[in-house]
C-alpha atoms as a PDB file:
ATOM      1  CA  MET A   1      12.167   6.506  -6.222  1.00  0.00           C
ATOM      2  CA  LEU A   2       8.294   7.362  -6.951  1.00  0.00           C
ATOM      3  CA  VAL A   3       6.112   4.494  -7.335  1.00  0.00           C
ATOM      4  CA  ASN A   4       2.497   3.987  -8.383  1.00  0.00           C
ATOM      5  CA  ILE A   5       0.614   2.358  -5.779  1.00  0.00           C
ATOM      6  CA  GLY A   6      -2.754   2.232  -7.770  1.00  0.00           C
ATOM      7  CA  TYR A   7      -5.362   4.261  -8.975  1.00  0.00           C
ATOM      8  CA  GLY A   8      -2.923   7.247  -9.851  1.00  0.00           C
ATOM      9  CA  ASN A   9      -1.411   7.399  -6.482  1.00  0.00           C
ATOM     10  CA  ILE A  10       2.134   7.726  -5.825  1.00  0.00           C
ATOM     11  CA  VAL A  11       4.535   7.305  -3.052  1.00  0.00           C
ATOM     12  CA  ASN A  12       8.331   7.733  -2.245  1.00  0.00           C
ATOM     13  CA  MET A  13       9.725   4.381  -1.750  1.00  0.00           C
ATOM     14  CA  ASP A  14      12.689   6.109  -0.097  1.00  0.00           C
ATOM     15  CA  LYS A  15      10.635   7.083   2.724  1.00  0.00           C
ATOM     16  CA  VAL A  16       8.760   3.504   3.224  1.00  0.00           C
ATOM     17  CA  VAL A  17       9.709   1.219   6.097  1.00  0.00           C
ATOM     18  CA  GLY A  18       7.685  -1.753   5.200  1.00  0.00           C
ATOM     19  CA  ILE A  19       4.791  -3.096   2.968  1.00  0.00           C
ATOM     20  CA  ILE A  20       2.388  -5.396   4.914  1.00  0.00           C
ATOM     21  CA  ARG A  21      -0.666  -7.537   3.774  1.00  0.00           C
ATOM     22  CA  ALA A  22      -3.859  -6.019   5.430  1.00  0.00           C
ATOM     23  CA  ASP A  23      -5.569  -9.169   5.911  1.00  0.00           C
ATOM     24  CA  ALA A  24      -4.502  -9.832   9.414  1.00  0.00           C
ATOM     25  CA  ALA A  25      -6.441  -8.755  12.595  1.00  0.00           C
ATOM     26  CA  PRO A  26      -3.495  -7.015  14.175  1.00  0.00           C
ATOM     27  CA  ILE A  27      -2.907  -5.113  11.157  1.00  0.00           C
ATOM     28  CA  LYS A  28      -6.689  -4.027  10.781  1.00  0.00           C
ATOM     29  CA  ARG A  29      -6.271  -2.601  14.237  1.00  0.00           C
ATOM     30  CA  MET A  30      -2.981  -0.771  13.255  1.00  0.00           C
ATOM     31  CA  ILE A  31      -4.949   0.994  10.579  1.00  0.00           C
ATOM     32  CA  GLN A  32      -8.137   1.858  12.471  1.00  0.00           C
ATOM     33  CA  VAL A  33      -5.688   3.398  15.222  1.00  0.00           C
ATOM     34  CA  ALA A  34      -3.934   5.370  12.265  1.00  0.00           C
ATOM     35  CA  LYS A  35      -7.268   6.666  11.000  1.00  0.00           C
ATOM     36  CA  ASP A  36      -8.393   7.737  14.588  1.00  0.00           C
ATOM     37  CA  GLU A  37      -5.143   9.587  15.146  1.00  0.00           C
ATOM     38  CA  ASN A  38      -5.196  11.052  11.615  1.00  0.00           C
ATOM     39  CA  MET A  39      -1.861   9.137  10.401  1.00  0.00           C
ATOM     40  CA  ALA A  40      -3.467   7.260   7.701  1.00  0.00           C
ATOM     41  CA  VAL A  41      -3.421   8.074   3.931  1.00  0.00           C
ATOM     42  CA  ASP A  42      -6.173   6.260   2.058  1.00  0.00           C
ATOM     43  CA  GLY A  43      -5.001   5.514  -1.320  1.00  0.00           C
ATOM     44  CA  THR A  44      -7.564   2.720  -2.234  1.00  0.00           C
ATOM     45  CA  CYS A  45     -10.151   5.191  -3.898  1.00  0.00           C
ATOM     46  CA  GLY A  46     -12.888   3.328  -2.205  1.00  0.00           C
ATOM     47  CA  ARG A  47     -11.580  -0.061  -2.966  1.00  0.00           C
ATOM     48  CA  LYS A  48     -10.731  -3.045  -0.439  1.00  0.00           C
ATOM     49  CA  THR A  49      -7.388  -2.427   1.264  1.00  0.00           C
ATOM     50  CA  LYS A  50      -4.813  -5.198   0.581  1.00  0.00           C
ATOM     51  CA  CYS A  51      -1.578  -3.897   1.686  1.00  0.00           C
ATOM     52  CA  ILE A  52      -0.319  -0.881   3.849  1.00  0.00           C
ATOM     53  CA  LEU A  53       3.041   0.770   3.553  1.00  0.00           C
ATOM     54  CA  VAL A  54       4.405   1.988   6.744  1.00  0.00           C
ATOM     55  CA  MET A  55       6.377   5.395   6.162  1.00  0.00           C
ATOM     56  CA  GLU A  56       9.479   6.844   8.182  1.00  0.00           C
ATOM     57  CA  SER A  57       7.027   9.319   9.687  1.00  0.00           C
ATOM     58  CA  GLY A  58       4.880   6.725  11.364  1.00  0.00           C
ATOM     59  CA  HIS A  59       2.063   7.515   8.755  1.00  0.00           C
ATOM     60  CA  ILE A  60       0.377   4.664   7.104  1.00  0.00           C
ATOM     61  CA  VAL A  61      -0.490   4.604   3.264  1.00  0.00           C
ATOM     62  CA  LEU A  62      -3.465   2.189   2.502  1.00  0.00           C
ATOM     63  CA  SER A  63      -3.401   0.603  -1.132  1.00  0.00           C
ATOM     64  CA  ALA A  64      -5.802  -1.695  -2.958  1.00  0.00           C
ATOM     65  CA  LEU A  65      -2.999  -3.449  -4.690  1.00  0.00           C
ATOM     66  CA  LEU A  66      -1.260  -6.605  -3.426  1.00  0.00           C
ATOM     67  CA  PRO A  67       2.363  -6.300  -1.811  1.00  0.00           C
ATOM     68  CA  ASP A  68       3.606  -8.477  -4.620  1.00  0.00           C
ATOM     69  CA  THR A  69       2.455  -5.900  -7.074  1.00  0.00           C
ATOM     70  CA  ILE A  70       4.063  -2.966  -5.369  1.00  0.00           C
ATOM     71  CA  GLU A  71       7.284  -5.003  -4.890  1.00  0.00           C
ATOM     72  CA  ASN A  72       7.210  -5.874  -8.843  1.00  0.00           C
ATOM     73  CA  ARG A  73       6.792  -2.236  -9.561  1.00  0.00           C
ATOM     74  CA  VAL A  74       9.849  -1.198  -7.120  1.00  0.00           C
ATOM     75  CA  THR A  75      12.133  -3.995  -8.922  1.00  0.00           C
ATOM     76  CA  GLY A  76      10.537  -3.179 -12.359  1.00  0.00           C
ATOM     77  CA  ASN A  77       9.434  -6.700 -12.943  1.00  0.00           C
ATOM     78  CA  SER A  78       6.550  -5.961 -15.225  1.00  0.00           C
ATOM     79  CA  LEU A  79       5.776  -9.725 -16.188  1.00  0.00           C
ATOM     80  CA  THR A  80       3.523 -10.476 -13.083  1.00  0.00           C
ATOM     81  CA  GLU A  81       2.278  -6.766 -12.552  1.00  0.00           C
ATOM     82  CA  ARG A  82      -0.328  -6.752 -14.966  1.00  0.00           C
ATOM     83  CA  SER A  83      -2.342 -10.063 -13.811  1.00  0.00           C
ATOM     84  CA  SER A  84      -2.092  -8.627 -10.204  1.00  0.00           C
ATOM     85  CA  GLU A  85      -3.496  -5.240 -11.128  1.00  0.00           C
ATOM     86  CA  ASP A  86      -6.406  -6.619 -12.835  1.00  0.00           C
ATOM     87  CA  GLU A  87      -7.757  -8.233  -9.719  1.00  0.00           C
ATOM     88  CA  PRO A  88     -11.255  -7.031  -8.322  1.00  0.00           C
END
């Protein structure tokens, strides 16, 4: 199942292990380590990273959308999706 993670970027959700908020210090360190090892895919288009998607392969995908927004897109709940996407 392909899901838009913001700004025209699409991820195969069948390969996602988890979706994590990016505001905690350990997660920020995880992002830096992944970038240093060329295991990070930046899908933020220059915006602030709000969540990361951890893939089966060990890669992480950075997204500027909130985890709730991505969850709503996966489950098909479009009622709260619009308000979350309009965040600065």
